[in-house]
Amino acid sequence: MSCFLSLIIGTVLGITQTRIKRLLAYSTISHVGFILLALIVHSIDSYQAYIFYILQYIVTNLNVFMIIIAIGFSLFLYYTNISEYNNLPEKNNSPIQLITQLKGYFSINPILALCLVITMFSFIGLPPLIGFFGKQMVLTTALDNNKTILVLVGVLTSVIGAVYYLTIIKTIYFDNSEYEKTYMYIDISLSNIFSITLSVINLGIISFIFIPDELLNMCNLLSVITFSAL
């Protein structure tokens, strides 16, 4: 029941959100449904899927928040006359709060925009990104153990959930930017550690299909230990 409600509530309420962090919060509820779906089945394969899903989601979720921070940081070089954006509470501490603030961001910083889009596609479960393999492992294990209804709910909510991820992508690439570059000289740049971390995480999300053995072997080992302990 918790799995079913997590999938439904996280997906349905996520569609109604206009604030990006709230959207990601409801998205997490939906992803918790997949984690619970893996736990329902008491087998080594299900624990492997459970551990793998948690690891890939932690990495992907960390990536998306780092990108949002970087986008907000980069927008200090720009200004807008939209009063809604200028009067946001805690604007200095959290520059990006609304999804609409990402309008046309691709024209401002194509690399960060691409990183965010890659992360959104991984949340959706688009192959060959790491998020696809996480959902595939969970759904396959559940289907092999006759959890057909929950698998159908998981697939359906993934399709519906793709709507709000694609909305972000559409906002970034296809809407016109509402920002103009400031005439003041401001020396702003991301630190090397931040940039390298973002690069490594995004490369991992993209290239997991080429180097899956190490992570899968670790998940398998942990699942065997967990199964034996239980």
C-alpha atoms as a PDB file:
ATOM      1  CA  MET A   1       0.000   0.000   0.000  1.00  0.00           C
ATOM      2  CA  SER A   2       2.860   2.407   0.822  1.00  0.00           C
ATOM      3  CA  CYS A   3       4.462   1.629  -2.528  1.00  0.00           C
ATOM      4  CA  PHE A   4       1.194   2.212  -4.392  1.00  0.00           C
ATOM      5  CA  LEU A   5       0.439   5.501  -2.606  1.00  0.00           C
ATOM      6  CA  SER A   6       4.006   6.791  -3.039  1.00  0.00           C
ATOM      7  CA  LEU A   7       3.876   6.203  -6.786  1.00  0.00           C
ATOM      8  CA  ILE A   8       0.449   7.833  -7.162  1.00  0.00           C
ATOM      9  CA  ILE A   9       0.822  10.785  -4.777  1.00  0.00           C
ATOM     10  CA  GLY A  10       4.340  11.702  -5.890  1.00  0.00           C
ATOM     11  CA  THR A  11       3.349  11.688  -9.543  1.00  0.00           C
ATOM     12  CA  VAL A  12      -0.043  13.404  -9.347  1.00  0.00           C
ATOM     13  CA  LEU A  13       1.025  16.201  -6.990  1.00  0.00           C
ATOM     14  CA  GLY A  14       4.299  16.694  -8.864  1.00  0.00           C
ATOM     15  CA  ILE A  15       2.408  17.715 -12.007  1.00  0.00           C
ATOM     16  CA  THR A  16       0.731  20.623 -10.201  1.00  0.00           C
ATOM     17  CA  GLN A  17       3.953  22.222  -8.925  1.00  0.00           C
ATOM     18  CA  THR A  18       5.365  25.505 -10.208  1.00  0.00           C
ATOM     19  CA  ARG A  19       8.363  25.581  -7.839  1.00  0.00           C
ATOM     20  CA  ILE A  20      11.241  23.409  -8.944  1.00  0.00           C
ATOM     21  CA  LYS A  21      12.337  22.258  -5.477  1.00  0.00           C
ATOM     22  CA  ARG A  22       8.803  21.228  -4.531  1.00  0.00           C
ATOM     23  CA  LEU A  23       8.553  19.382  -7.825  1.00  0.00           C
ATOM     24  CA  LEU A  24      11.768  17.511  -7.009  1.00  0.00           C
ATOM     25  CA  ALA A  25      10.418  16.753  -3.515  1.00  0.00           C
ATOM     26  CA  TYR A  26       7.286  15.124  -4.931  1.00  0.00           C
ATOM     27  CA  SER A  27       9.460  13.415  -7.515  1.00  0.00           C
ATOM     28  CA  THR A  28      11.393  11.870  -4.619  1.00  0.00           C
ATOM     29  CA  ILE A  29       8.139  10.495  -3.189  1.00  0.00           C
ATOM     30  CA  SER A  30       7.495   8.810  -6.528  1.00  0.00           C
ATOM     31  CA  HIS A  31      11.011   7.364  -6.583  1.00  0.00           C
ATOM     32  CA  VAL A  32      10.516   6.068  -3.036  1.00  0.00           C
ATOM     33  CA  GLY A  33       7.647   4.047  -4.517  1.00  0.00           C
ATOM     34  CA  PHE A  34      10.145   2.288  -6.798  1.00  0.00           C
ATOM     35  CA  ILE A  35      12.466   1.672  -3.850  1.00  0.00           C
ATOM     36  CA  LEU A  36       9.594   0.121  -1.879  1.00  0.00           C
ATOM     37  CA  LEU A  37       8.638  -1.960  -4.903  1.00  0.00           C
ATOM     38  CA  ALA A  38      12.115  -3.499  -4.840  1.00  0.00           C
ATOM     39  CA  LEU A  39      11.805  -4.220  -1.111  1.00  0.00           C
ATOM     40  CA  ILE A  40       8.453  -5.970  -1.476  1.00  0.00           C
ATOM     41  CA  VAL A  41      10.137  -8.924  -3.198  1.00  0.00           C
ATOM     42  CA  HIS A  42      12.332 -10.869  -0.794  1.00  0.00           C
ATOM     43  CA  SER A  43      15.157 -12.095  -3.039  1.00  0.00           C
ATOM     44  CA  ILE A  44      18.797 -11.406  -3.817  1.00  0.00           C
ATOM     45  CA  ASP A  45      17.847  -9.810  -7.143  1.00  0.00           C
ATOM     46  CA  SER A  46      15.362  -7.476  -5.470  1.00  0.00           C
ATOM     47  CA  TYR A  47      17.926  -6.330  -2.907  1.00  0.00           C
ATOM     48  CA  GLN A  48      20.432  -5.754  -5.689  1.00  0.00           C
ATOM     49  CA  ALA A  49      17.837  -3.641  -7.530  1.00  0.00           C
ATOM     50  CA  TYR A  50      17.035  -1.811  -4.280  1.00  0.00           C
ATOM     51  CA  ILE A  51      20.666  -0.933  -3.536  1.00  0.00           C
ATOM     52  CA  PHE A  52      21.391   0.042  -7.134  1.00  0.00           C
ATOM     53  CA  TYR A  53      18.301   2.259  -7.336  1.00  0.00           C
ATOM     54  CA  ILE A  54      19.202   4.085  -4.128  1.00  0.00           C
ATOM     55  CA  LEU A  55      22.802   4.668  -5.248  1.00  0.00           C
ATOM     56  CA  GLN A  56      21.896   5.942  -8.697  1.00  0.00           C
ATOM     57  CA  TYR A  57      19.121   8.155  -7.304  1.00  0.00           C
ATOM     58  CA  ILE A  58      21.404   9.701  -4.683  1.00  0.00           C
ATOM     59  CA  VAL A  59      23.944  10.565  -7.370  1.00  0.00           C
ATOM     60  CA  THR A  60      21.342  11.894  -9.813  1.00  0.00           C
ATOM     61  CA  ASN A  61      19.501  13.913  -7.168  1.00  0.00           C
ATOM     62  CA  LEU A  62      22.760  15.398  -5.883  1.00  0.00           C
ATOM     63  CA  ASN A  63      23.578  16.335  -9.463  1.00  0.00           C
ATOM     64  CA  VAL A  64      20.301  18.146 -10.104  1.00  0.00           C
ATOM     65  CA  PHE A  65      20.585  20.286  -6.951  1.00  0.00           C
ATOM     66  CA  MET A  66      24.208  21.135  -7.729  1.00  0.00           C
ATOM     67  CA  ILE A  67      23.125  22.229 -11.220  1.00  0.00           C
ATOM     68  CA  ILE A  68      20.300  24.386  -9.806  1.00  0.00           C
ATOM     69  CA  ILE A  69      22.806  26.048  -7.463  1.00  0.00           C
ATOM     70  CA  ALA A  70      25.189  26.627 -10.393  1.00  0.00           C
ATOM     71  CA  ILE A  71      22.387  28.090 -12.542  1.00  0.00           C
ATOM     72  CA  GLY A  72      21.361  30.469  -9.774  1.00  0.00           C
ATOM     73  CA  PHE A  73      24.992  31.459  -9.308  1.00  0.00           C
ATOM     74  CA  SER A  74      25.411  32.166 -13.041  1.00  0.00           C
ATOM     75  CA  LEU A  75      22.296  34.356 -13.161  1.00  0.00           C
ATOM     76  CA  PHE A  76      23.958  36.951 -10.920  1.00  0.00           C
ATOM     77  CA  LEU A  77      25.496  38.129 -14.209  1.00  0.00           C
ATOM     78  CA  TYR A  78      22.001  38.922 -15.555  1.00  0.00           C
ATOM     79  CA  TYR A  79      19.000  40.978 -14.570  1.00  0.00           C
ATOM     80  CA  THR A  80      15.286  40.805 -15.284  1.00  0.00           C
ATOM     81  CA  ASN A  81      12.364  43.207 -14.983  1.00  0.00           C
ATOM     82  CA  ILE A  82       9.948  40.447 -13.972  1.00  0.00           C
ATOM     83  CA  SER A  83       8.723  41.583 -10.547  1.00  0.00           C
ATOM     84  CA  GLU A  84       7.758  38.035  -9.540  1.00  0.00           C
ATOM     85  CA  TYR A  85      11.392  36.954  -9.854  1.00  0.00           C
ATOM     86  CA  ASN A  86      12.819  40.032  -8.155  1.00  0.00           C
ATOM     87  CA  ASN A  87      10.517  39.804  -5.113  1.00  0.00           C
ATOM     88  CA  LEU A  88      11.051  36.153  -4.260  1.00  0.00           C
ATOM     89  CA  PRO A  89      11.742  35.492  -0.560  1.00  0.00           C
ATOM     90  CA  GLU A  90      15.336  34.457   0.139  1.00  0.00           C
ATOM     91  CA  LYS A  91      16.245  35.393  -3.441  1.00  0.00           C
ATOM     92  CA  ASN A  92      19.911  35.914  -2.572  1.00  0.00           C
ATOM     93  CA  ASN A  93      20.213  32.508  -0.916  1.00  0.00           C
ATOM     94  CA  SER A  94      18.058  30.643  -3.449  1.00  0.00           C
ATOM     95  CA  PRO A  95      17.973  32.498  -6.800  1.00  0.00           C
ATOM     96  CA  ILE A  96      16.164  29.682  -8.662  1.00  0.00           C
ATOM     97  CA  GLN A  97      12.791  28.897  -7.105  1.00  0.00           C
ATOM     98  CA  LEU A  98      10.288  28.840  -9.965  1.00  0.00           C
ATOM     99  CA  ILE A  99      10.386  26.601 -13.023  1.00  0.00           C
ATOM    100  CA  THR A 100       9.623  29.651 -15.181  1.00  0.00           C
ATOM    101  CA  GLN A 101      12.928  31.207 -14.082  1.00  0.00           C
ATOM    102  CA  LEU A 102      14.643  28.665 -16.344  1.00  0.00           C
ATOM    103  CA  LYS A 103      13.032  30.094 -19.498  1.00  0.00           C
ATOM    104  CA  GLY A 104      15.505  30.112 -22.352  1.00  0.00           C
ATOM    105  CA  TYR A 105      18.423  29.267 -20.090  1.00  0.00           C
ATOM    106  CA  PHE A 106      20.038  27.308 -22.930  1.00  0.00           C
ATOM    107  CA  SER A 107      20.891  30.617 -24.597  1.00  0.00           C
ATOM    108  CA  ILE A 108      22.670  31.768 -21.430  1.00  0.00           C
ATOM    109  CA  ASN A 109      24.712  28.683 -20.560  1.00  0.00           C
ATOM    110  CA  PRO A 110      24.324  25.733 -22.957  1.00  0.00           C
ATOM    111  CA  ILE A 111      26.590  23.418 -20.934  1.00  0.00           C
ATOM    112  CA  LEU A 112      24.718  23.747 -17.634  1.00  0.00           C
ATOM    113  CA  ALA A 113      21.421  23.523 -19.516  1.00  0.00           C
ATOM    114  CA  LEU A 114      22.557  20.289 -21.156  1.00  0.00           C
ATOM    115  CA  CYS A 115      23.653  18.860 -17.787  1.00  0.00           C
ATOM    116  CA  LEU A 116      20.206  19.581 -16.321  1.00  0.00           C
ATOM    117  CA  VAL A 117      18.475  18.027 -19.334  1.00  0.00           C
ATOM    118  CA  ILE A 118      20.602  14.867 -19.039  1.00  0.00           C
ATOM    119  CA  THR A 119      19.619  14.602 -15.366  1.00  0.00           C
ATOM    120  CA  MET A 120      15.921  15.067 -16.197  1.00  0.00           C
ATOM    121  CA  PHE A 121      16.123  12.301 -18.811  1.00  0.00           C
ATOM    122  CA  SER A 122      17.765  10.032 -16.234  1.00  0.00           C
ATOM    123  CA  PHE A 123      14.883  10.712 -13.811  1.00  0.00           C
ATOM    124  CA  ILE A 124      12.453   9.790 -16.580  1.00  0.00           C
ATOM    125  CA  GLY A 125      14.329   6.533 -17.166  1.00  0.00           C
ATOM    126  CA  LEU A 126      15.453   7.157 -20.722  1.00  0.00           C
ATOM    127  CA  PRO A 127      18.056   4.676 -22.013  1.00  0.00           C
ATOM    128  CA  PRO A 128      21.011   4.497 -21.957  1.00  0.00           C
ATOM    129  CA  LEU A 129      21.193   6.735 -18.867  1.00  0.00           C
ATOM    130  CA  ILE A 130      21.715   5.239 -15.414  1.00  0.00           C
ATOM    131  CA  GLY A 131      18.143   5.986 -14.293  1.00  0.00           C
ATOM    132  CA  PHE A 132      16.824   3.634 -16.971  1.00  0.00           C
ATOM    133  CA  PHE A 133      18.772   0.687 -15.569  1.00  0.00           C
ATOM    134  CA  GLY A 134      17.568   1.440 -12.050  1.00  0.00           C
ATOM    135  CA  LYS A 135      13.907   1.332 -13.088  1.00  0.00           C
ATOM    136  CA  GLN A 136      14.485  -1.657 -15.348  1.00  0.00           C
ATOM    137  CA  MET A 137      16.020  -3.712 -12.533  1.00  0.00           C
ATOM    138  CA  VAL A 138      13.202  -2.883 -10.104  1.00  0.00           C
ATOM    139  CA  LEU A 139      10.384  -3.518 -12.583  1.00  0.00           C
ATOM    140  CA  THR A 140      11.949  -6.719 -13.910  1.00  0.00           C
ATOM    141  CA  THR A 141      12.433  -8.153 -10.421  1.00  0.00           C
ATOM    142  CA  ALA A 142       8.872  -7.242  -9.398  1.00  0.00           C
ATOM    143  CA  LEU A 143       7.402  -8.678 -12.592  1.00  0.00           C
ATOM    144  CA  ASP A 144       9.319 -11.945 -12.135  1.00  0.00           C
ATOM    145  CA  ASN A 145       7.707 -12.235  -8.703  1.00  0.00           C
ATOM    146  CA  ASN A 146       4.144 -11.643  -9.911  1.00  0.00           C
ATOM    147  CA  LYS A 147       3.735  -8.046  -8.716  1.00  0.00           C
ATOM    148  CA  THR A 148       1.980  -7.244 -11.972  1.00  0.00           C
ATOM    149  CA  ILE A 149      -0.394  -4.554 -10.716  1.00  0.00           C
ATOM    150  CA  LEU A 150       2.351  -2.568  -8.994  1.00  0.00           C
ATOM    151  CA  VAL A 151       4.556  -2.906 -12.078  1.00  0.00           C
ATOM    152  CA  LEU A 152       1.766  -1.472 -14.236  1.00  0.00           C
ATOM    153  CA  VAL A 153       1.281   1.375 -11.758  1.00  0.00           C
ATOM    154  CA  GLY A 154       5.037   2.001 -11.787  1.00  0.00           C
ATOM    155  CA  VAL A 155       5.165   2.145 -15.575  1.00  0.00           C
ATOM    156  CA  LEU A 156       2.078   4.369 -15.760  1.00  0.00           C
ATOM    157  CA  THR A 157       3.338   6.822 -13.146  1.00  0.00           C
ATOM    158  CA  SER A 158       6.733   6.944 -14.881  1.00  0.00           C
ATOM    159  CA  VAL A 159       5.026   7.983 -18.100  1.00  0.00           C
ATOM    160  CA  ILE A 160       2.896  10.599 -16.325  1.00  0.00           C
ATOM    161  CA  GLY A 161       5.890  11.798 -14.303  1.00  0.00           C
ATOM    162  CA  ALA A 162       7.802  12.342 -17.527  1.00  0.00           C
ATOM    163  CA  VAL A 163       5.405  15.233 -18.213  1.00  0.00           C
ATOM    164  CA  TYR A 164       6.793  17.497 -15.499  1.00  0.00           C
ATOM    165  CA  TYR A 165      10.400  16.608 -16.326  1.00  0.00           C
ATOM    166  CA  LEU A 166       9.759  17.363 -20.004  1.00  0.00           C
ATOM    167  CA  THR A 167       8.126  20.647 -18.979  1.00  0.00           C
ATOM    168  CA  ILE A 168      11.443  21.724 -17.450  1.00  0.00           C
ATOM    169  CA  ILE A 169      13.300  20.689 -20.623  1.00  0.00           C
ATOM    170  CA  LYS A 170      10.803  22.567 -22.787  1.00  0.00           C
ATOM    171  CA  THR A 171      11.149  25.670 -20.593  1.00  0.00           C
ATOM    172  CA  ILE A 172      14.939  25.608 -20.904  1.00  0.00           C
ATOM    173  CA  TYR A 173      15.152  25.044 -24.650  1.00  0.00           C
ATOM    174  CA  PHE A 174      12.022  26.401 -26.295  1.00  0.00           C
ATOM    175  CA  ASP A 175      10.863  29.392 -24.236  1.00  0.00           C
ATOM    176  CA  ASN A 176      12.349  32.845 -24.718  1.00  0.00           C
ATOM    177  CA  SER A 177      14.756  34.030 -22.070  1.00  0.00           C
ATOM    178  CA  GLU A 178      13.602  36.866 -19.799  1.00  0.00           C
ATOM    179  CA  TYR A 179      17.117  37.781 -18.695  1.00  0.00           C
ATOM    180  CA  GLU A 180      19.454  40.452 -20.005  1.00  0.00           C
ATOM    181  CA  LYS A 181      23.154  40.680 -19.314  1.00  0.00           C
ATOM    182  CA  THR A 182      24.149  43.350 -16.837  1.00  0.00           C
ATOM    183  CA  TYR A 183      26.459  46.134 -17.961  1.00  0.00           C
ATOM    184  CA  MET A 184      28.343  45.951 -14.685  1.00  0.00           C
ATOM    185  CA  TYR A 185      31.506  43.882 -14.580  1.00  0.00           C
ATOM    186  CA  ILE A 186      31.098  41.058 -12.079  1.00  0.00           C
ATOM    187  CA  ASP A 187      33.809  38.437 -11.717  1.00  0.00           C
ATOM    188  CA  ILE A 188      31.827  35.227 -11.109  1.00  0.00           C
ATOM    189  CA  SER A 189      32.897  31.673 -11.875  1.00  0.00           C
ATOM    190  CA  LEU A 190      32.295  28.211 -10.478  1.00  0.00           C
ATOM    191  CA  SER A 191      35.112  26.712  -8.435  1.00  0.00           C
ATOM    192  CA  ASN A 192      37.222  23.987 -10.040  1.00  0.00           C
ATOM    193  CA  ILE A 193      36.067  21.398  -7.507  1.00  0.00           C
ATOM    194  CA  PHE A 194      32.395  22.200  -8.192  1.00  0.00           C
ATOM    195  CA  SER A 195      32.892  22.074 -11.968  1.00  0.00           C
ATOM    196  CA  ILE A 196      34.882  18.820 -11.853  1.00  0.00           C
ATOM    197  CA  THR A 197      32.299  17.184  -9.576  1.00  0.00           C
ATOM    198  CA  LEU A 198      29.482  18.147 -11.946  1.00  0.00           C
ATOM    199  CA  SER A 199      31.462  16.816 -14.913  1.00  0.00           C
ATOM    200  CA  VAL A 200      32.240  13.486 -13.241  1.00  0.00           C
ATOM    201  CA  ILE A 201      28.643  12.907 -12.118  1.00  0.00           C
ATOM    202  CA  ASN A 202      27.212  13.736 -15.550  1.00  0.00           C
ATOM    203  CA  LEU A 203      29.746  11.496 -17.282  1.00  0.00           C
ATOM    204  CA  GLY A 204      28.765   8.715 -14.885  1.00  0.00           C
ATOM    205  CA  ILE A 205      25.061   9.187 -15.673  1.00  0.00           C
ATOM    206  CA  ILE A 206      25.757   9.067 -19.423  1.00  0.00           C
ATOM    207  CA  SER A 207      28.459   6.412 -19.618  1.00  0.00           C
ATOM    208  CA  PHE A 208      27.248   3.857 -17.040  1.00  0.00           C
ATOM    209  CA  ILE A 209      26.267   1.522 -19.890  1.00  0.00           C
ATOM    210  CA  PHE A 210      29.937   1.225 -20.876  1.00  0.00           C
ATOM    211  CA  ILE A 211      31.287   0.513 -17.368  1.00  0.00           C
ATOM    212  CA  PRO A 212      28.508  -1.218 -15.398  1.00  0.00           C
ATOM    213  CA  ASP A 213      30.394  -4.143 -13.875  1.00  0.00           C
ATOM    214  CA  GLU A 214      32.013  -2.473 -10.857  1.00  0.00           C
ATOM    215  CA  LEU A 215      28.818  -0.870  -9.530  1.00  0.00           C
ATOM    216  CA  LEU A 216      26.645  -3.905 -10.274  1.00  0.00           C
ATOM    217  CA  ASN A 217      29.142  -6.268  -8.625  1.00  0.00           C
ATOM    218  CA  MET A 218      29.201  -4.077  -5.522  1.00  0.00           C
ATOM    219  CA  CYS A 219      25.391  -4.003  -5.400  1.00  0.00           C
ATOM    220  CA  ASN A 220      25.278  -7.771  -5.854  1.00  0.00           C
ATOM    221  CA  LEU A 221      27.773  -8.308  -3.032  1.00  0.00           C
ATOM    222  CA  LEU A 222      25.810  -6.023  -0.689  1.00  0.00           C
ATOM    223  CA  SER A 223      22.541  -7.747  -1.621  1.00  0.00           C
ATOM    224  CA  VAL A 224      24.007 -11.181  -0.859  1.00  0.00           C
ATOM    225  CA  ILE A 225      25.240  -9.937   2.537  1.00  0.00           C
ATOM    226  CA  THR A 226      21.846  -8.349   3.285  1.00  0.00           C
ATOM    227  CA  PHE A 227      19.893 -11.426   2.170  1.00  0.00           C
ATOM    228  CA  SER A 228      22.094 -13.690   4.264  1.00  0.00           C
ATOM    229  CA  ALA A 229      21.696 -11.470   7.327  1.00  0.00           C
ATOM    230  CA  LEU A 230      17.920 -11.516   6.985  1.00  0.00           C
END
